[in-house]
C-alpha atoms as a PDB file:
ATOM      1  CA  MET A   1     -15.244  71.448  40.211  1.00  0.00           C
ATOM      2  CA  ILE A   2     -14.492  68.116  41.880  1.00  0.00           C
ATOM      3  CA  PRO A   3     -17.671  66.326  43.015  1.00  0.00           C
ATOM      4  CA  HIS A   4     -17.949  65.331  46.665  1.00  0.00           C
ATOM      5  CA  LEU A   5     -17.520  61.679  47.484  1.00  0.00           C
ATOM      6  CA  PRO A   6     -20.646  59.866  48.645  1.00  0.00           C
ATOM      7  CA  LEU A   7     -21.016  59.544  52.395  1.00  0.00           C
ATOM      8  CA  ALA A   8     -20.295  55.818  52.283  1.00  0.00           C
ATOM      9  CA  PHE A   9     -16.867  56.488  50.770  1.00  0.00           C
ATOM     10  CA  GLY A  10     -15.886  59.896  52.052  1.00  0.00           C
ATOM     11  CA  ALA A  11     -17.169  60.242  55.571  1.00  0.00           C
ATOM     12  CA  MET A  12     -17.148  56.799  57.151  1.00  0.00           C
ATOM     13  CA  ASN A  13     -14.267  55.743  59.335  1.00  0.00           C
ATOM     14  CA  TYR A  14     -13.812  52.076  58.514  1.00  0.00           C
ATOM     15  CA  VAL A  15     -11.261  51.535  61.286  1.00  0.00           C
ATOM     16  CA  GLU A  16     -13.751  52.910  63.775  1.00  0.00           C
ATOM     17  CA  ILE A  17     -16.506  50.688  62.373  1.00  0.00           C
ATOM     18  CA  ILE A  18     -14.399  47.580  62.905  1.00  0.00           C
ATOM     19  CA  ARG A  19     -13.176  48.749  66.311  1.00  0.00           C
ATOM     20  CA  ASP A  20     -16.676  49.455  67.623  1.00  0.00           C
ATOM     21  CA  ALA A  21     -18.308  46.391  66.076  1.00  0.00           C
ATOM     22  CA  SER A  22     -19.480  43.533  68.253  1.00  0.00           C
ATOM     23  CA  PHE A  23     -18.338  39.962  67.793  1.00  0.00           C
ATOM     24  CA  ILE A  24     -21.451  39.112  65.760  1.00  0.00           C
ATOM     25  CA  GLU A  25     -21.024  42.161  63.538  1.00  0.00           C
ATOM     26  CA  LEU A  26     -17.389  41.275  62.904  1.00  0.00           C
ATOM     27  CA  ALA A  27     -18.385  37.690  62.093  1.00  0.00           C
ATOM     28  CA  VAL A  28     -21.002  38.963  59.622  1.00  0.00           C
ATOM     29  CA  LEU A  29     -18.540  41.331  57.936  1.00  0.00           C
ATOM     30  CA  LEU A  30     -15.881  38.630  57.749  1.00  0.00           C
ATOM     31  CA  LEU A  31     -18.391  36.178  56.251  1.00  0.00           C
ATOM     32  CA  LEU A  32     -19.538  38.705  53.660  1.00  0.00           C
ATOM     33  CA  MET A  33     -15.959  39.592  52.764  1.00  0.00           C
ATOM     34  CA  SER A  34     -15.096  35.900  52.361  1.00  0.00           C
ATOM     35  CA  VAL A  35     -18.060  35.094  50.112  1.00  0.00           C
ATOM     36  CA  SER A  36     -17.426  38.262  48.104  1.00  0.00           C
ATOM     37  CA  VAL A  37     -13.821  37.241  47.428  1.00  0.00           C
ATOM     38  CA  ALA A  38     -14.941  33.688  46.611  1.00  0.00           C
ATOM     39  CA  SER A  39     -17.638  35.052  44.282  1.00  0.00           C
ATOM     40  CA  TRP A  40     -15.224  37.245  42.356  1.00  0.00           C
ATOM     41  CA  ALA A  41     -12.785  34.339  42.015  1.00  0.00           C
ATOM     42  CA  LEU A  42     -15.574  32.085  40.742  1.00  0.00           C
ATOM     43  CA  ILE A  43     -16.813  34.805  38.385  1.00  0.00           C
ATOM     44  CA  ALA A  44     -13.342  35.132  36.884  1.00  0.00           C
ATOM     45  CA  MET A  45     -12.982  31.347  36.542  1.00  0.00           C
ATOM     46  CA  LYS A  46     -16.414  30.835  34.973  1.00  0.00           C
ATOM     47  CA  PHE A  47     -16.015  33.796  32.642  1.00  0.00           C
ATOM     48  CA  THR A  48     -12.736  32.340  31.395  1.00  0.00           C
ATOM     49  CA  GLN A  49     -14.248  28.868  31.025  1.00  0.00           C
ATOM     50  CA  LEU A  50     -17.327  30.045  29.117  1.00  0.00           C
ATOM     51  CA  SER A  51     -15.319  32.393  26.908  1.00  0.00           C
ATOM     52  CA  ARG A  52     -12.948  29.556  26.047  1.00  0.00           C
ATOM     53  CA  ALA A  53     -15.907  27.249  25.383  1.00  0.00           C
ATOM     54  CA  ARG A  54     -17.474  29.807  23.039  1.00  0.00           C
ATOM     55  CA  SER A  55     -14.253  30.450  21.126  1.00  0.00           C
ATOM     56  CA  GLN A  56     -13.390  26.767  20.717  1.00  0.00           C
ATOM     57  CA  SER A  57     -16.969  25.835  19.808  1.00  0.00           C
ATOM     58  CA  LEU A  58     -16.947  28.336  16.961  1.00  0.00           C
ATOM     59  CA  THR A  59     -13.645  26.863  15.787  1.00  0.00           C
ATOM     60  CA  PHE A  60     -15.072  23.338  15.985  1.00  0.00           C
ATOM     61  CA  LEU A  61     -18.232  24.216  14.059  1.00  0.00           C
ATOM     62  CA  ASP A  62     -16.151  25.829  11.333  1.00  0.00           C
ATOM     63  CA  THR A  63     -14.051  22.652  11.093  1.00  0.00           C
ATOM     64  CA  PHE A  64     -17.077  20.358  11.236  1.00  0.00           C
ATOM     65  CA  TRP A  65     -18.948  21.946   8.351  1.00  0.00           C
ATOM     66  CA  LYS A  66     -15.882  22.387   6.151  1.00  0.00           C
ATOM     67  CA  ALA A  67     -14.224  18.971   6.614  1.00  0.00           C
ATOM     68  CA  SER A  68     -15.269  16.012   4.498  1.00  0.00           C
ATOM     69  CA  ARG A  69     -14.059  13.155   6.722  1.00  0.00           C
ATOM     70  CA  LEU A  70     -15.242  12.394  10.256  1.00  0.00           C
ATOM     71  CA  GLU A  71     -11.785  11.121  11.194  1.00  0.00           C
ATOM     72  CA  ALA A  72     -10.251  14.519  10.415  1.00  0.00           C
ATOM     73  CA  ILE A  73     -12.977  16.261  12.413  1.00  0.00           C
ATOM     74  CA  TYR A  74     -12.362  13.890  15.319  1.00  0.00           C
ATOM     75  CA  GLN A  75      -8.637  14.625  15.370  1.00  0.00           C
ATOM     76  CA  SER A  76      -9.342  18.363  15.407  1.00  0.00           C
ATOM     77  CA  ALA A  77     -12.019  17.968  18.089  1.00  0.00           C
ATOM     78  CA  LEU A  78      -9.598  16.183  20.421  1.00  0.00           C
ATOM     79  CA  LYS A  79      -7.500  19.352  20.539  1.00  0.00           C
ATOM     80  CA  LEU A  80     -10.475  21.554  21.486  1.00  0.00           C
ATOM     81  CA  GLU A  81     -10.856  20.332  25.045  1.00  0.00           C
ATOM     82  CA  GLY A  82     -12.769  23.409  26.195  1.00  0.00           C
ATOM     83  CA  SER A  83     -15.567  23.089  23.632  1.00  0.00           C
ATOM     84  CA  PRO A  84     -18.775  21.312  24.728  1.00  0.00           C
ATOM     85  CA  LEU A  85     -19.694  20.703  21.094  1.00  0.00           C
ATOM     86  CA  SER A  86     -16.415  18.951  20.372  1.00  0.00           C
ATOM     87  CA  LYS A  87     -16.937  16.690  23.409  1.00  0.00           C
ATOM     88  CA  VAL A  88     -20.424  15.783  22.185  1.00  0.00           C
ATOM     89  CA  PHE A  89     -19.090  15.011  18.713  1.00  0.00           C
ATOM     90  CA  CYS A  90     -16.267  12.867  20.105  1.00  0.00           C
ATOM     91  CA  ALA A  91     -18.751  10.824  22.147  1.00  0.00           C
ATOM     92  CA  GLY A  92     -20.934  10.233  19.086  1.00  0.00           C
ATOM     93  CA  TYR A  93     -18.010   9.454  16.811  1.00  0.00           C
ATOM     94  CA  GLU A  94     -16.497   6.963  19.279  1.00  0.00           C
ATOM     95  CA  GLU A  95     -19.828   5.164  19.592  1.00  0.00           C
ATOM     96  CA  LEU A  96     -20.139   5.113  15.799  1.00  0.00           C
ATOM     97  CA  SER A  97     -16.632   3.655  15.519  1.00  0.00           C
ATOM     98  CA  LYS A  98     -17.547   0.879  17.955  1.00  0.00           C
ATOM     99  CA  LEU A  99     -20.604   0.024  15.892  1.00  0.00           C
ATOM    100  CA  ALA A 100     -18.564  -0.032  12.694  1.00  0.00           C
ATOM    101  CA  GLN A 101     -16.005  -2.315  14.325  1.00  0.00           C
ATOM    102  CA  THR A 102     -18.755  -4.660  15.530  1.00  0.00           C
ATOM    103  CA  GLY A 103     -20.173  -4.836  12.034  1.00  0.00           C
ATOM    104  CA  LYS A 104     -16.777  -5.747  10.579  1.00  0.00           C
ATOM    105  CA  GLU A 105     -15.971  -8.410  13.151  1.00  0.00           C
ATOM    106  CA  GLY A 106     -19.423 -10.025  13.182  1.00  0.00           C
ATOM    107  CA  GLY A 107     -21.387 -11.684  10.443  1.00  0.00           C
ATOM    108  CA  ALA A 108     -24.355 -10.418   8.494  1.00  0.00           C
ATOM    109  CA  GLU A 109     -26.668 -10.911  11.469  1.00  0.00           C
ATOM    110  CA  ASP A 110     -24.402  -8.811  13.722  1.00  0.00           C
ATOM    111  CA  ALA A 111     -24.148  -6.124  11.075  1.00  0.00           C
ATOM    112  CA  MET A 112     -27.932  -5.965  10.731  1.00  0.00           C
ATOM    113  CA  SER A 113     -28.342  -5.798  14.513  1.00  0.00           C
ATOM    114  CA  ALA A 114     -25.780  -3.010  14.692  1.00  0.00           C
ATOM    115  CA  LYS A 115     -27.678  -1.046  12.049  1.00  0.00           C
ATOM    116  CA  LEU A 116     -31.021  -1.492  13.774  1.00  0.00           C
ATOM    117  CA  GLY A 117     -29.812  -0.406  17.192  1.00  0.00           C
ATOM    118  CA  GLY A 118     -26.871   1.718  16.150  1.00  0.00           C
ATOM    119  CA  ILE A 119     -28.628   5.028  15.725  1.00  0.00           C
ATOM    120  CA  GLU A 120     -30.195   4.739  19.191  1.00  0.00           C
ATOM    121  CA  ASN A 121     -26.797   3.979  20.706  1.00  0.00           C
ATOM    122  CA  VAL A 122     -25.249   7.014  19.029  1.00  0.00           C
ATOM    123  CA  GLU A 123     -28.136   9.199  20.139  1.00  0.00           C
ATOM    124  CA  ARG A 124     -27.776   8.025  23.735  1.00  0.00           C
ATOM    125  CA  ALA A 125     -24.038   8.707  23.607  1.00  0.00           C
ATOM    126  CA  LEU A 126     -24.681  12.228  22.332  1.00  0.00           C
ATOM    127  CA  ASN A 127     -27.279  12.877  25.038  1.00  0.00           C
ATOM    128  CA  ARG A 128     -25.000  11.576  27.792  1.00  0.00           C
ATOM    129  CA  ALA A 129     -22.142  13.747  26.597  1.00  0.00           C
ATOM    130  CA  ALA A 130     -24.386  16.825  26.348  1.00  0.00           C
ATOM    131  CA  THR A 131     -25.697  16.255  29.877  1.00  0.00           C
ATOM    132  CA  ALA A 132     -22.161  15.837  31.205  1.00  0.00           C
ATOM    133  CA  GLN A 133     -21.068  19.076  29.542  1.00  0.00           C
ATOM    134  CA  ILE A 134     -24.014  21.030  30.940  1.00  0.00           C
ATOM    135  CA  THR A 135     -23.236  19.651  34.396  1.00  0.00           C
ATOM    136  CA  GLU A 136     -19.618  20.741  34.038  1.00  0.00           C
ATOM    137  CA  LEU A 137     -20.581  24.233  32.855  1.00  0.00           C
ATOM    138  CA  GLU A 138     -23.090  24.623  35.704  1.00  0.00           C
ATOM    139  CA  ASN A 139     -20.602  23.438  38.303  1.00  0.00           C
ATOM    140  CA  ARG A 140     -20.485  25.926  41.233  1.00  0.00           C
ATOM    141  CA  VAL A 141     -22.633  28.493  39.416  1.00  0.00           C
ATOM    142  CA  SER A 142     -25.361  27.852  41.995  1.00  0.00           C
ATOM    143  CA  PHE A 143     -22.973  29.274  44.614  1.00  0.00           C
ATOM    144  CA  LEU A 144     -23.351  32.680  42.969  1.00  0.00           C
ATOM    145  CA  GLY A 145     -27.123  32.387  43.148  1.00  0.00           C
ATOM    146  CA  THR A 146     -26.916  31.498  46.823  1.00  0.00           C
ATOM    147  CA  VAL A 147     -24.618  34.451  47.545  1.00  0.00           C
ATOM    148  CA  GLY A 148     -26.893  36.799  45.634  1.00  0.00           C
ATOM    149  CA  ALA A 149     -29.979  35.620  47.490  1.00  0.00           C
ATOM    150  CA  ALA A 150     -28.550  35.308  51.008  1.00  0.00           C
ATOM    151  CA  SER A 151     -25.984  38.126  51.319  1.00  0.00           C
ATOM    152  CA  PRO A 152     -28.490  40.997  51.700  1.00  0.00           C
ATOM    153  CA  PHE A 153     -30.219  39.143  54.533  1.00  0.00           C
ATOM    154  CA  VAL A 154     -26.907  38.358  56.216  1.00  0.00           C
ATOM    155  CA  GLY A 155     -25.975  42.028  55.961  1.00  0.00           C
ATOM    156  CA  LEU A 156     -29.383  43.034  57.308  1.00  0.00           C
ATOM    157  CA  PHE A 157     -28.884  40.689  60.241  1.00  0.00           C
ATOM    158  CA  GLY A 158     -25.579  42.387  61.031  1.00  0.00           C
ATOM    159  CA  THR A 159     -27.271  45.780  60.787  1.00  0.00           C
ATOM    160  CA  VAL A 160     -30.042  44.768  63.190  1.00  0.00           C
ATOM    161  CA  ILE A 161     -27.499  43.485  65.696  1.00  0.00           C
ATOM    162  CA  GLY A 162     -25.469  46.693  65.306  1.00  0.00           C
ATOM    163  CA  ILE A 163     -28.500  48.930  65.835  1.00  0.00           C
ATOM    164  CA  LEU A 164     -29.564  46.977  68.915  1.00  0.00           C
ATOM    165  CA  SER A 165     -26.055  47.252  70.311  1.00  0.00           C
ATOM    166  CA  ALA A 166     -25.954  50.988  69.511  1.00  0.00           C
ATOM    167  CA  PHE A 167     -29.251  51.696  71.254  1.00  0.00           C
ATOM    168  CA  ASN A 168     -28.183  49.669  74.284  1.00  0.00           C
ATOM    169  CA  GLN A 169     -25.048  51.810  74.575  1.00  0.00           C
ATOM    170  CA  ILE A 170     -27.090  54.993  74.175  1.00  0.00           C
ATOM    171  CA  ALA A 171     -29.504  53.823  76.855  1.00  0.00           C
ATOM    172  CA  GLU A 172     -26.639  53.129  79.233  1.00  0.00           C
ATOM    173  CA  GLN A 173     -25.164  56.591  78.613  1.00  0.00           C
ATOM    174  CA  GLY A 174     -28.550  58.280  78.919  1.00  0.00           C
ATOM    175  CA  ASN A 175     -27.805  60.580  75.972  1.00  0.00           C
ATOM    176  CA  ALA A 176     -30.052  60.193  72.926  1.00  0.00           C
ATOM    177  CA  THR A 177     -29.199  63.282  70.886  1.00  0.00           C
ATOM    178  CA  LEU A 178     -28.859  63.091  67.102  1.00  0.00           C
ATOM    179  CA  ALA A 179     -25.077  63.330  67.372  1.00  0.00           C
ATOM    180  CA  THR A 180     -24.840  60.283  69.590  1.00  0.00           C
ATOM    181  CA  VAL A 181     -27.373  58.225  67.618  1.00  0.00           C
ATOM    182  CA  ALA A 182     -26.234  58.960  64.067  1.00  0.00           C
ATOM    183  CA  ALA A 183     -22.695  57.547  64.226  1.00  0.00           C
ATOM    184  CA  PRO A 184     -23.433  54.101  65.739  1.00  0.00           C
ATOM    185  CA  VAL A 185     -26.544  53.598  63.604  1.00  0.00           C
ATOM    186  CA  GLY A 186     -24.632  54.636  60.494  1.00  0.00           C
ATOM    187  CA  ASN A 187     -21.868  52.198  61.375  1.00  0.00           C
ATOM    188  CA  ALA A 188     -24.436  49.432  61.829  1.00  0.00           C
ATOM    189  CA  LEU A 189     -25.878  50.106  58.368  1.00  0.00           C
ATOM    190  CA  PHE A 190     -22.443  49.359  56.905  1.00  0.00           C
ATOM    191  CA  ALA A 191     -23.260  45.641  57.215  1.00  0.00           C
ATOM    192  CA  THR A 192     -26.237  46.075  54.871  1.00  0.00           C
ATOM    193  CA  ALA A 193     -24.022  47.876  52.379  1.00  0.00           C
ATOM    194  CA  ALA A 194     -21.492  45.046  52.623  1.00  0.00           C
ATOM    195  CA  GLY A 195     -24.253  42.513  51.966  1.00  0.00           C
ATOM    196  CA  LEU A 196     -25.348  44.377  48.847  1.00  0.00           C
ATOM    197  CA  PHE A 197     -21.746  44.719  47.718  1.00  0.00           C
ATOM    198  CA  ALA A 198     -21.406  40.929  47.866  1.00  0.00           C
ATOM    199  CA  ALA A 199     -24.844  40.191  46.394  1.00  0.00           C
ATOM    200  CA  ILE A 200     -25.103  42.474  43.351  1.00  0.00           C
ATOM    201  CA  PRO A 201     -22.083  41.153  41.368  1.00  0.00           C
ATOM    202  CA  ALA A 202     -23.062  37.583  42.242  1.00  0.00           C
ATOM    203  CA  VAL A 203     -26.631  38.039  40.968  1.00  0.00           C
ATOM    204  CA  VAL A 204     -25.516  39.748  37.754  1.00  0.00           C
ATOM    205  CA  ALA A 205     -22.899  37.067  37.061  1.00  0.00           C
ATOM    206  CA  TYR A 206     -25.305  34.234  37.926  1.00  0.00           C
ATOM    207  CA  ASN A 207     -27.958  35.466  35.491  1.00  0.00           C
ATOM    208  CA  SER A 208     -25.346  36.019  32.786  1.00  0.00           C
ATOM    209  CA  PHE A 209     -23.793  32.570  33.207  1.00  0.00           C
ATOM    210  CA  VAL A 210     -27.150  30.774  33.306  1.00  0.00           C
ATOM    211  CA  SER A 211     -28.180  32.523  30.091  1.00  0.00           C
ATOM    212  CA  ARG A 212     -24.940  31.583  28.339  1.00  0.00           C
ATOM    213  CA  ILE A 213     -25.175  27.969  29.523  1.00  0.00           C
ATOM    214  CA  LYS A 214     -28.724  27.740  28.129  1.00  0.00           C
ATOM    215  CA  VAL A 215     -27.337  28.839  24.775  1.00  0.00           C
ATOM    216  CA  PHE A 216     -24.755  26.028  24.922  1.00  0.00           C
ATOM    217  CA  ASP A 217     -27.532  23.574  25.814  1.00  0.00           C
ATOM    218  CA  THR A 218     -29.549  24.629  22.764  1.00  0.00           C
ATOM    219  CA  GLU A 219     -26.493  24.508  20.509  1.00  0.00           C
ATOM    220  CA  MET A 220     -25.609  20.986  21.660  1.00  0.00           C
ATOM    221  CA  SER A 221     -29.190  19.815  21.026  1.00  0.00           C
ATOM    222  CA  ASN A 222     -29.165  21.326  17.540  1.00  0.00           C
ATOM    223  CA  PHE A 223     -25.724  19.911  16.759  1.00  0.00           C
ATOM    224  CA  SER A 224     -26.746  16.439  17.960  1.00  0.00           C
ATOM    225  CA  ALA A 225     -29.782  16.532  15.674  1.00  0.00           C
ATOM    226  CA  ASP A 226     -27.661  17.607  12.703  1.00  0.00           C
ATOM    227  CA  PHE A 227     -25.016  14.972  13.432  1.00  0.00           C
ATOM    228  CA  LEU A 228     -27.653  12.247  13.703  1.00  0.00           C
ATOM    229  CA  ASN A 229     -29.138  13.285  10.371  1.00  0.00           C
ATOM    230  CA  ILE A 230     -25.716  13.044   8.737  1.00  0.00           C
ATOM    231  CA  ILE A 231     -25.170   9.615  10.245  1.00  0.00           C
ATOM    232  CA  LYS A 232     -28.576   8.382   9.104  1.00  0.00           C
ATOM    233  CA  ARG A 233     -27.948   9.532   5.529  1.00  0.00           C
ATOM    234  CA  HIS A 234     -24.465   8.066   5.188  1.00  0.00           C
ATOM    235  CA  PHE A 235     -24.191   5.112   7.586  1.00  0.00           C
ATOM    236  CA  PHE A 236     -27.667   3.718   8.259  1.00  0.00           C
ATOM    237  CA  ARG A 237     -29.284   3.693   4.849  1.00  0.00           C
END
């Protein structure tokens, strides 16, 4: 036995909804359709970006803990452009290289100064890189939160306008039977459904992306601490 389609899918005439809609209702539906398309495009882009970041970060960590030379790790990290951890490491390694070069070119006093302030410089470089990576990962994610929060209210606004328009037409016709009221009110409620259709995927994706970005933030903090400990043991003794 084939189940009946829900009313929203089986019984509504979408051509009639658009034909009978007012200018404001059409504007609301067009706006919701536009933000829904933009949301799905952003969801696909961010999902790809975060998946790539996760895959390349795992590859980088495997290389980092297995390699014995920082130069080899650096060369591998340069190829993993999608990994936030590799970017943080590259920033710290480049700052460390500058300090080593300063110590070679200067005298004993310069070398001592580089040692005293070197670890702070590396730490600042790591923090700057981590902040930049979090900013890049969070880029445009707030749009999904805005869509998720605002779309239901935009849809509700379209519904209110549609119901007011429907009752005005009924009043002009002087016929307020259930048959004449049900169709225009049902059509007006379509705007609310459209708002929910745009909002629900955006909210789910927003919460998922924010959670995954927090994980990257924690991983970068932990990696920076580990990298600084390695530097302190081997370069600033």
